[in-house]
């Protein structure tokens, strides 16, 4: 499953704030309707206010969630 980039999440959130439906948002950047809904819900849980004017989308509203698990191994060749 492809993940959405931070710019796609910001775009979806900005459109939603301006009254564009989730179905229309999903058609524009090419992401699933359910994904758009989750982006909006996650932003609201992180403190985003859909009624705020002017729109202020902070990084914390659309940032990737922390991941569990072992970190990837890196070598000198992969760091370059």
PDB file of N, CA and C in Angstrom:
ATOM      1  N   UNK A   1       0.841  -1.174   0.000  1.00  0.00           N
ATOM      2  CA  UNK A   1       0.000   0.000   0.000  1.00  0.00           C
ATOM      3  C   UNK A   1       0.887   1.238   0.000  1.00  0.00           C
ATOM      4  N   UNK A   2       0.739   2.110  -0.975  1.00  0.00           N
ATOM      5  CA  UNK A   2       1.572   3.312  -1.012  1.00  0.00           C
ATOM      6  C   UNK A   2       1.157   4.286   0.084  1.00  0.00           C
ATOM      7  N   UNK A   3       2.144   4.925   0.676  1.00  0.00           N
ATOM      8  CA  UNK A   3       1.835   5.893   1.722  1.00  0.00           C
ATOM      9  C   UNK A   3       1.701   7.277   1.086  1.00  0.00           C
ATOM     10  N   UNK A   4       1.020   8.152   1.807  1.00  0.00           N
ATOM     11  CA  UNK A   4       0.851   9.512   1.304  1.00  0.00           C
ATOM     12  C   UNK A   4       2.014  10.368   1.772  1.00  0.00           C
ATOM     13  N   UNK A   5       2.422  11.283   0.944  1.00  0.00           N
ATOM     14  CA  UNK A   5       3.499  12.187   1.324  1.00  0.00           C
ATOM     15  C   UNK A   5       2.934  13.288   2.216  1.00  0.00           C
ATOM     16  N   UNK A   6       3.812  13.981   2.885  1.00  0.00           N
ATOM     17  CA  UNK A   6       3.377  15.057   3.763  1.00  0.00           C
ATOM     18  C   UNK A   6       2.701  16.160   2.952  1.00  0.00           C
ATOM     19  N   UNK A   7       3.180  16.419   1.752  1.00  0.00           N
ATOM     20  CA  UNK A   7       2.561  17.454   0.920  1.00  0.00           C
ATOM     21  C   UNK A   7       1.144  17.049   0.500  1.00  0.00           C
ATOM     22  N   UNK A   8       0.901  15.760   0.239  1.00  0.00           N
ATOM     23  CA  UNK A   8      -0.447  15.287  -0.073  1.00  0.00           C
ATOM     24  C   UNK A   8      -1.373  15.467   1.122  1.00  0.00           C
ATOM     25  N   UNK A   9      -0.860  15.187   2.324  1.00  0.00           N
ATOM     26  CA  UNK A   9      -1.680  15.336   3.527  1.00  0.00           C
ATOM     27  C   UNK A   9      -2.016  16.811   3.776  1.00  0.00           C
ATOM     28  N   UNK A  10      -1.051  17.708   3.566  1.00  0.00           N
ATOM     29  CA  UNK A  10      -1.304  19.152   3.725  1.00  0.00           C
ATOM     30  C   UNK A  10      -2.340  19.609   2.696  1.00  0.00           C
ATOM     31  N   UNK A  11      -2.193  19.160   1.463  1.00  0.00           N
ATOM     32  CA  UNK A  11      -3.124  19.517   0.391  1.00  0.00           C
ATOM     33  C   UNK A  11      -4.542  19.063   0.737  1.00  0.00           C
ATOM     34  N   UNK A  12      -4.684  17.823   1.180  1.00  0.00           N
ATOM     35  CA  UNK A  12      -5.999  17.289   1.535  1.00  0.00           C
ATOM     36  C   UNK A  12      -6.618  18.062   2.699  1.00  0.00           C
ATOM     37  N   UNK A  13      -5.826  18.391   3.683  1.00  0.00           N
ATOM     38  CA  UNK A  13      -6.318  19.125   4.848  1.00  0.00           C
ATOM     39  C   UNK A  13      -6.741  20.540   4.468  1.00  0.00           C
ATOM     40  N   UNK A  14      -5.980  21.200   3.623  1.00  0.00           N
ATOM     41  CA  UNK A  14      -6.322  22.556   3.181  1.00  0.00           C
ATOM     42  C   UNK A  14      -7.619  22.557   2.371  1.00  0.00           C
ATOM     43  N   UNK A  15      -7.765  21.583   1.481  1.00  0.00           N
ATOM     44  CA  UNK A  15      -8.996  21.499   0.697  1.00  0.00           C
ATOM     45  C   UNK A  15     -10.196  21.225   1.585  1.00  0.00           C
ATOM     46  N   UNK A  16     -10.036  20.344   2.547  1.00  0.00           N
ATOM     47  CA  UNK A  16     -11.121  20.024   3.466  1.00  0.00           C
ATOM     48  C   UNK A  16     -11.550  21.252   4.259  1.00  0.00           C
ATOM     49  N   UNK A  17     -10.595  22.037   4.693  1.00  0.00           N
ATOM     50  CA  UNK A  17     -10.895  23.249   5.442  1.00  0.00           C
ATOM     51  C   UNK A  17     -11.677  24.238   4.580  1.00  0.00           C
ATOM     52  N   UNK A  18     -11.443  24.221   3.279  1.00  0.00           N
ATOM     53  CA  UNK A  18     -12.142  25.118   2.364  1.00  0.00           C
ATOM     54  C   UNK A  18     -13.463  24.553   1.855  1.00  0.00           C
ATOM     55  N   UNK A  19     -13.920  23.443   2.444  1.00  0.00           N
ATOM     56  CA  UNK A  19     -15.247  22.914   2.132  1.00  0.00           C
ATOM     57  C   UNK A  19     -15.319  21.910   1.012  1.00  0.00           C
ATOM     58  N   UNK A  20     -14.208  21.425   0.535  1.00  0.00           N
ATOM     59  CA  UNK A  20     -14.206  20.420  -0.527  1.00  0.00           C
ATOM     60  C   UNK A  20     -14.502  19.062   0.111  1.00  0.00           C
ATOM     61  N   UNK A  21     -15.353  18.259  -0.525  1.00  0.00           N
ATOM     62  CA  UNK A  21     -15.735  16.959   0.043  1.00  0.00           C
ATOM     63  C   UNK A  21     -14.576  15.968  -0.024  1.00  0.00           C
ATOM     64  N   UNK A  22     -14.647  14.943   0.815  1.00  0.00           N
ATOM     65  CA  UNK A  22     -13.578  13.934   0.838  1.00  0.00           C
ATOM     66  C   UNK A  22     -13.500  13.180  -0.487  1.00  0.00           C
ATOM     67  N   UNK A  23     -14.632  12.958  -1.155  1.00  0.00           N
ATOM     68  CA  UNK A  23     -14.617  12.277  -2.452  1.00  0.00           C
ATOM     69  C   UNK A  23     -13.886  13.108  -3.499  1.00  0.00           C
ATOM     70  N   UNK A  24     -14.137  14.409  -3.504  1.00  0.00           N
ATOM     71  CA  UNK A  24     -13.456  15.288  -4.452  1.00  0.00           C
ATOM     72  C   UNK A  24     -11.966  15.390  -4.141  1.00  0.00           C
ATOM     73  N   UNK A  25     -11.625  15.422  -2.856  1.00  0.00           N
ATOM     74  CA  UNK A  25     -10.213  15.479  -2.454  1.00  0.00           C
ATOM     75  C   UNK A  25      -9.490  14.223  -2.905  1.00  0.00           C
ATOM     76  N   UNK A  26     -10.130  13.079  -2.736  1.00  0.00           N
ATOM     77  CA  UNK A  26      -9.507  11.806  -3.099  1.00  0.00           C
ATOM     78  C   UNK A  26      -9.235  11.728  -4.600  1.00  0.00           C
ATOM     79  N   UNK A  27     -10.069  12.347  -5.409  1.00  0.00           N
ATOM     80  CA  UNK A  27      -9.858  12.336  -6.861  1.00  0.00           C
ATOM     81  C   UNK A  27      -8.673  13.189  -7.281  1.00  0.00           C
ATOM     82  N   UNK A  28      -8.445  14.295  -6.601  1.00  0.00           N
ATOM     83  CA  UNK A  28      -7.390  15.221  -7.022  1.00  0.00           C
ATOM     84  C   UNK A  28      -5.983  14.671  -6.817  1.00  0.00           C
ATOM     85  N   UNK A  29      -5.564  14.341  -5.582  1.00  0.00           N
ATOM     86  CA  UNK A  29      -4.196  13.846  -5.442  1.00  0.00           C
ATOM     87  C   UNK A  29      -4.053  12.356  -5.724  1.00  0.00           C
ATOM     88  N   UNK A  30      -5.154  11.670  -5.958  1.00  0.00           N
ATOM     89  CA  UNK A  30      -5.084  10.247  -6.277  1.00  0.00           C
ATOM     90  C   UNK A  30      -4.919   9.349  -5.071  1.00  0.00           C
ATOM     91  N   UNK A  31      -5.550   9.706  -3.952  1.00  0.00           N
ATOM     92  CA  UNK A  31      -5.521   8.859  -2.768  1.00  0.00           C
ATOM     93  C   UNK A  31      -6.941   8.414  -2.443  1.00  0.00           C
ATOM     94  N   UNK A  32      -7.063   7.347  -1.685  1.00  0.00           N
ATOM     95  CA  UNK A  32      -8.349   6.748  -1.372  1.00  0.00           C
ATOM     96  C   UNK A  32      -9.168   7.653  -0.442  1.00  0.00           C
ATOM     97  N   UNK A  33     -10.485   7.579  -0.577  1.00  0.00           N
ATOM     98  CA  UNK A  33     -11.393   8.392   0.239  1.00  0.00           C
ATOM     99  C   UNK A  33     -11.174   8.131   1.727  1.00  0.00           C
ATOM    100  N   UNK A  34     -11.002   6.883   2.091  1.00  0.00           N
ATOM    101  CA  UNK A  34     -10.797   6.526   3.497  1.00  0.00           C
ATOM    102  C   UNK A  34      -9.503   7.136   4.026  1.00  0.00           C
ATOM    103  N   UNK A  35      -8.477   7.186   3.194  1.00  0.00           N
ATOM    104  CA  UNK A  35      -7.214   7.791   3.592  1.00  0.00           C
ATOM    105  C   UNK A  35      -7.389   9.277   3.867  1.00  0.00           C
ATOM    106  N   UNK A  36      -8.161   9.953   3.021  1.00  0.00           N
ATOM    107  CA  UNK A  36      -8.440  11.379   3.237  1.00  0.00           C
ATOM    108  C   UNK A  36      -9.139  11.571   4.573  1.00  0.00           C
ATOM    109  N   UNK A  37     -10.116  10.722   4.849  1.00  0.00           N
ATOM    110  CA  UNK A  37     -10.850  10.812   6.110  1.00  0.00           C
ATOM    111  C   UNK A  37      -9.904  10.625   7.297  1.00  0.00           C
ATOM    112  N   UNK A  38      -9.000   9.640   7.215  1.00  0.00           N
ATOM    113  CA  UNK A  38      -8.041   9.403   8.303  1.00  0.00           C
ATOM    114  C   UNK A  38      -7.083  10.581   8.475  1.00  0.00           C
ATOM    115  N   UNK A  39      -6.660  11.196   7.385  1.00  0.00           N
ATOM    116  CA  UNK A  39      -5.775  12.364   7.463  1.00  0.00           C
ATOM    117  C   UNK A  39      -6.463  13.482   8.240  1.00  0.00           C
ATOM    118  N   UNK A  40      -7.716  13.733   7.907  1.00  0.00           N
ATOM    119  CA  UNK A  40      -8.468  14.795   8.578  1.00  0.00           C
ATOM    120  C   UNK A  40      -8.684  14.459  10.048  1.00  0.00           C
ATOM    121  N   UNK A  41      -9.090  13.218  10.342  1.00  0.00           N
ATOM    122  CA  UNK A  41      -9.330  12.824  11.729  1.00  0.00           C
ATOM    123  C   UNK A  41      -8.054  12.896  12.566  1.00  0.00           C
ATOM    124  N   UNK A  42      -6.941  12.437  12.003  1.00  0.00           N
ATOM    125  CA  UNK A  42      -5.669  12.468  12.727  1.00  0.00           C
ATOM    126  C   UNK A  42      -5.245  13.908  13.025  1.00  0.00           C
ATOM    127  N   UNK A  43      -5.448  14.805  12.058  1.00  0.00           N
ATOM    128  CA  UNK A  43      -5.102  16.213  12.259  1.00  0.00           C
ATOM    129  C   UNK A  43      -5.953  16.829  13.361  1.00  0.00           C
ATOM    130  N   UNK A  44      -7.239  16.509  13.383  1.00  0.00           N
ATOM    131  CA  UNK A  44      -8.130  17.021  14.422  1.00  0.00           C
ATOM    132  C   UNK A  44      -7.702  16.501  15.793  1.00  0.00           C
ATOM    133  N   UNK A  45      -7.358  15.220  15.876  1.00  0.00           N
ATOM    134  CA  UNK A  45      -6.889  14.638  17.142  1.00  0.00           C
ATOM    135  C   UNK A  45      -5.609  15.308  17.620  1.00  0.00           C
ATOM    136  N   UNK A  46      -4.814  15.790  16.687  1.00  0.00           N
ATOM    137  CA  UNK A  46      -3.544  16.440  17.032  1.00  0.00           C
ATOM    138  C   UNK A  46      -3.700  17.945  17.263  1.00  0.00           C
ATOM    139  N   UNK A  47      -4.939  18.441  17.242  1.00  0.00           N
ATOM    140  CA  UNK A  47      -5.188  19.827  17.597  1.00  0.00           C
ATOM    141  C   UNK A  47      -5.559  20.760  16.461  1.00  0.00           C
ATOM    142  N   UNK A  48      -5.777  20.232  15.270  1.00  0.00           N
ATOM    143  CA  UNK A  48      -6.125  21.096  14.138  1.00  0.00           C
ATOM    144  C   UNK A  48      -7.567  21.560  14.272  1.00  0.00           C
ATOM    145  N   UNK A  49      -7.806  22.829  13.973  1.00  0.00           N
ATOM    146  CA  UNK A  49      -9.140  23.415  14.038  1.00  0.00           C
ATOM    147  C   UNK A  49      -9.608  23.713  12.620  1.00  0.00           C
ATOM    148  N   UNK A  50     -10.647  23.009  12.158  1.00  0.00           N
ATOM    149  CA  UNK A  50     -11.149  23.198  10.796  1.00  0.00           C
ATOM    150  C   UNK A  50     -11.778  24.566  10.583  1.00  0.00           C
ATOM    151  N   UNK A  51     -12.181  25.236  11.662  1.00  0.00           N
ATOM    152  CA  UNK A  51     -12.856  26.523  11.561  1.00  0.00           C
ATOM    153  C   UNK A  51     -11.896  27.709  11.629  1.00  0.00           C
ATOM    154  N   UNK A  52     -10.616  27.448  11.881  1.00  0.00           N
ATOM    155  CA  UNK A  52      -9.644  28.528  12.060  1.00  0.00           C
ATOM    156  C   UNK A  52      -9.399  29.266  10.746  1.00  0.00           C
ATOM    157  N   UNK A  53      -9.395  30.581  10.848  1.00  0.00           N
ATOM    158  CA  UNK A  53      -9.139  31.411   9.683  1.00  0.00           C
ATOM    159  C   UNK A  53      -8.129  32.477  10.067  1.00  0.00           C
ATOM    160  N   UNK A  54      -7.052  32.679   9.400  1.00  0.00           N
ATOM    161  CA  UNK A  54      -6.591  31.982   8.198  1.00  0.00           C
ATOM    162  C   UNK A  54      -6.108  30.566   8.531  1.00  0.00           C
ATOM    163  N   UNK A  55      -6.024  29.746   7.509  1.00  0.00           N
ATOM    164  CA  UNK A  55      -5.609  28.355   7.687  1.00  0.00           C
ATOM    165  C   UNK A  55      -4.163  28.306   8.159  1.00  0.00           C
ATOM    166  N   UNK A  56      -3.924  27.542   9.225  1.00  0.00           N
ATOM    167  CA  UNK A  56      -2.571  27.323   9.734  1.00  0.00           C
ATOM    168  C   UNK A  56      -2.380  25.832   9.935  1.00  0.00           C
ATOM    169  N   UNK A  57      -1.650  25.212   9.025  1.00  0.00           N
ATOM    170  CA  UNK A  57      -1.390  23.776   9.114  1.00  0.00           C
ATOM    171  C   UNK A  57       0.033  23.588   9.606  1.00  0.00           C
ATOM    172  N   UNK A  58       0.156  23.090  10.816  1.00  0.00           N
ATOM    173  CA  UNK A  58       1.471  22.857  11.407  1.00  0.00           C
ATOM    174  C   UNK A  58       1.962  21.457  11.043  1.00  0.00           C
ATOM    175  N   UNK A  59       3.272  21.270  11.110  1.00  0.00           N
ATOM    176  CA  UNK A  59       3.863  19.963  10.793  1.00  0.00           C
ATOM    177  C   UNK A  59       3.298  18.853  11.663  1.00  0.00           C
ATOM    178  N   UNK A  60       3.024  19.161  12.921  1.00  0.00           N
ATOM    179  CA  UNK A  60       2.548  18.109  13.838  1.00  0.00           C
ATOM    180  C   UNK A  60       1.181  17.569  13.433  1.00  0.00           C
ATOM    181  N   UNK A  61       0.398  18.332  12.687  1.00  0.00           N
ATOM    182  CA  UNK A  61      -0.910  17.869  12.245  1.00  0.00           C
ATOM    183  C   UNK A  61      -0.810  16.801  11.163  1.00  0.00           C
ATOM    184  N   UNK A  62       0.247  16.835  10.368  1.00  0.00           N
ATOM    185  CA  UNK A  62       0.368  15.934   9.215  1.00  0.00           C
ATOM    186  C   UNK A  62       1.635  15.076   9.251  1.00  0.00           C
ATOM    187  N   UNK A  63       2.361  15.113  10.356  1.00  0.00           N
ATOM    188  CA  UNK A  63       3.619  14.364  10.450  1.00  0.00           C
ATOM    189  C   UNK A  63       3.354  12.856  10.489  1.00  0.00           C
ATOM    190  N   UNK A  64       4.344  12.094  10.035  1.00  0.00           N
ATOM    191  CA  UNK A  64       4.257  10.640  10.122  1.00  0.00           C
ATOM    192  C   UNK A  64       4.226  10.215  11.578  1.00  0.00           C
ATOM    193  N   UNK A  65       3.481   9.161  11.851  1.00  0.00           N
ATOM    194  CA  UNK A  65       3.424   8.613  13.205  1.00  0.00           C
ATOM    195  C   UNK A  65       4.724   7.872  13.500  1.00  0.00           C
ATOM    196  N   UNK A  66       5.146   7.842  14.760  1.00  0.00           N
ATOM    197  CA  UNK A  66       6.350   7.075  15.092  1.00  0.00           C
ATOM    198  C   UNK A  66       6.140   5.590  14.792  1.00  0.00           C
ATOM    199  N   UNK A  67       7.177   4.956  14.344  1.00  0.00           N
ATOM    200  CA  UNK A  67       7.102   3.541  13.964  1.00  0.00           C
ATOM    201  C   UNK A  67       7.762   2.671  15.019  1.00  0.00           C
ATOM    202  N   UNK A  68       7.210   1.489  15.182  1.00  0.00           N
ATOM    203  CA  UNK A  68       7.803   0.503  16.080  1.00  0.00           C
ATOM    204  C   UNK A  68       8.807  -0.340  15.313  1.00  0.00           C
ATOM    205  N   UNK A  69       9.599  -1.058  16.069  1.00  0.00           N
ATOM    206  CA  UNK A  69      10.471  -2.017  15.421  1.00  0.00           C
ATOM    207  C   UNK A  69      11.924  -1.614  15.396  1.00  0.00           C
ATOM    208  N   UNK A  70      12.690  -2.530  14.908  1.00  0.00           N
ATOM    209  CA  UNK A  70      14.129  -2.356  14.838  1.00  0.00           C
ATOM    210  C   UNK A  70      14.496  -1.348  13.757  1.00  0.00           C
ATOM    211  N   UNK A  71      15.431  -0.447  14.044  1.00  0.00           N
ATOM    212  CA  UNK A  71      15.860   0.500  13.014  1.00  0.00           C
ATOM    213  C   UNK A  71      16.590  -0.218  11.880  1.00  0.00           C
ATOM    214  N   UNK A  72      16.571   0.375  10.716  1.00  0.00           N
ATOM    215  CA  UNK A  72      17.268  -0.205   9.572  1.00  0.00           C
ATOM    216  C   UNK A  72      18.771  -0.164   9.797  1.00  0.00           C
ATOM    217  N   UNK A  73      19.433  -1.182   9.256  1.00  0.00           N
ATOM    218  CA  UNK A  73      20.887  -1.199   9.320  1.00  0.00           C
ATOM    219  C   UNK A  73      21.428  -0.237   8.275  1.00  0.00           C
ATOM    220  N   UNK A  74      22.405   0.552   8.676  1.00  0.00           N
ATOM    221  CA  UNK A  74      23.017   1.445   7.697  1.00  0.00           C
ATOM    222  C   UNK A  74      24.515   1.200   7.668  1.00  0.00           C
ATOM    223  N   UNK A  75      25.042   1.250   6.474  1.00  0.00           N
ATOM    224  CA  UNK A  75      26.484   1.096   6.286  1.00  0.00           C
ATOM    225  C   UNK A  75      27.000   2.368   5.649  1.00  0.00           C
ATOM    226  N   UNK A  76      28.288   2.469   5.543  1.00  0.00           N
ATOM    227  CA  UNK A  76      28.877   3.655   4.924  1.00  0.00           C
ATOM    228  C   UNK A  76      28.419   3.802   3.482  1.00  0.00           C
ATOM    229  N   UNK A  77      28.248   2.692   2.784  1.00  0.00           N
ATOM    230  CA  UNK A  77      27.831   2.728   1.377  1.00  0.00           C
ATOM    231  C   UNK A  77      26.397   3.250   1.242  1.00  0.00           C
ATOM    232  N   UNK A  78      25.514   2.893   2.148  1.00  0.00           N
ATOM    233  CA  UNK A  78      24.121   3.339   2.049  1.00  0.00           C
ATOM    234  C   UNK A  78      23.942   4.759   2.540  1.00  0.00           C
ATOM    235  N   UNK A  79      24.860   5.269   3.351  1.00  0.00           N
ATOM    236  CA  UNK A  79      24.751   6.636   3.860  1.00  0.00           C
ATOM    237  C   UNK A  79      25.166   7.665   2.809  1.00  0.00           C
ATOM    238  N   UNK A  80      25.940   7.232   1.816  1.00  0.00           N
ATOM    239  CA  UNK A  80      26.420   8.158   0.777  1.00  0.00           C
ATOM    240  C   UNK A  80      25.492   8.297  -0.332  1.00  0.00           C
TER     241      UNK A  80
END
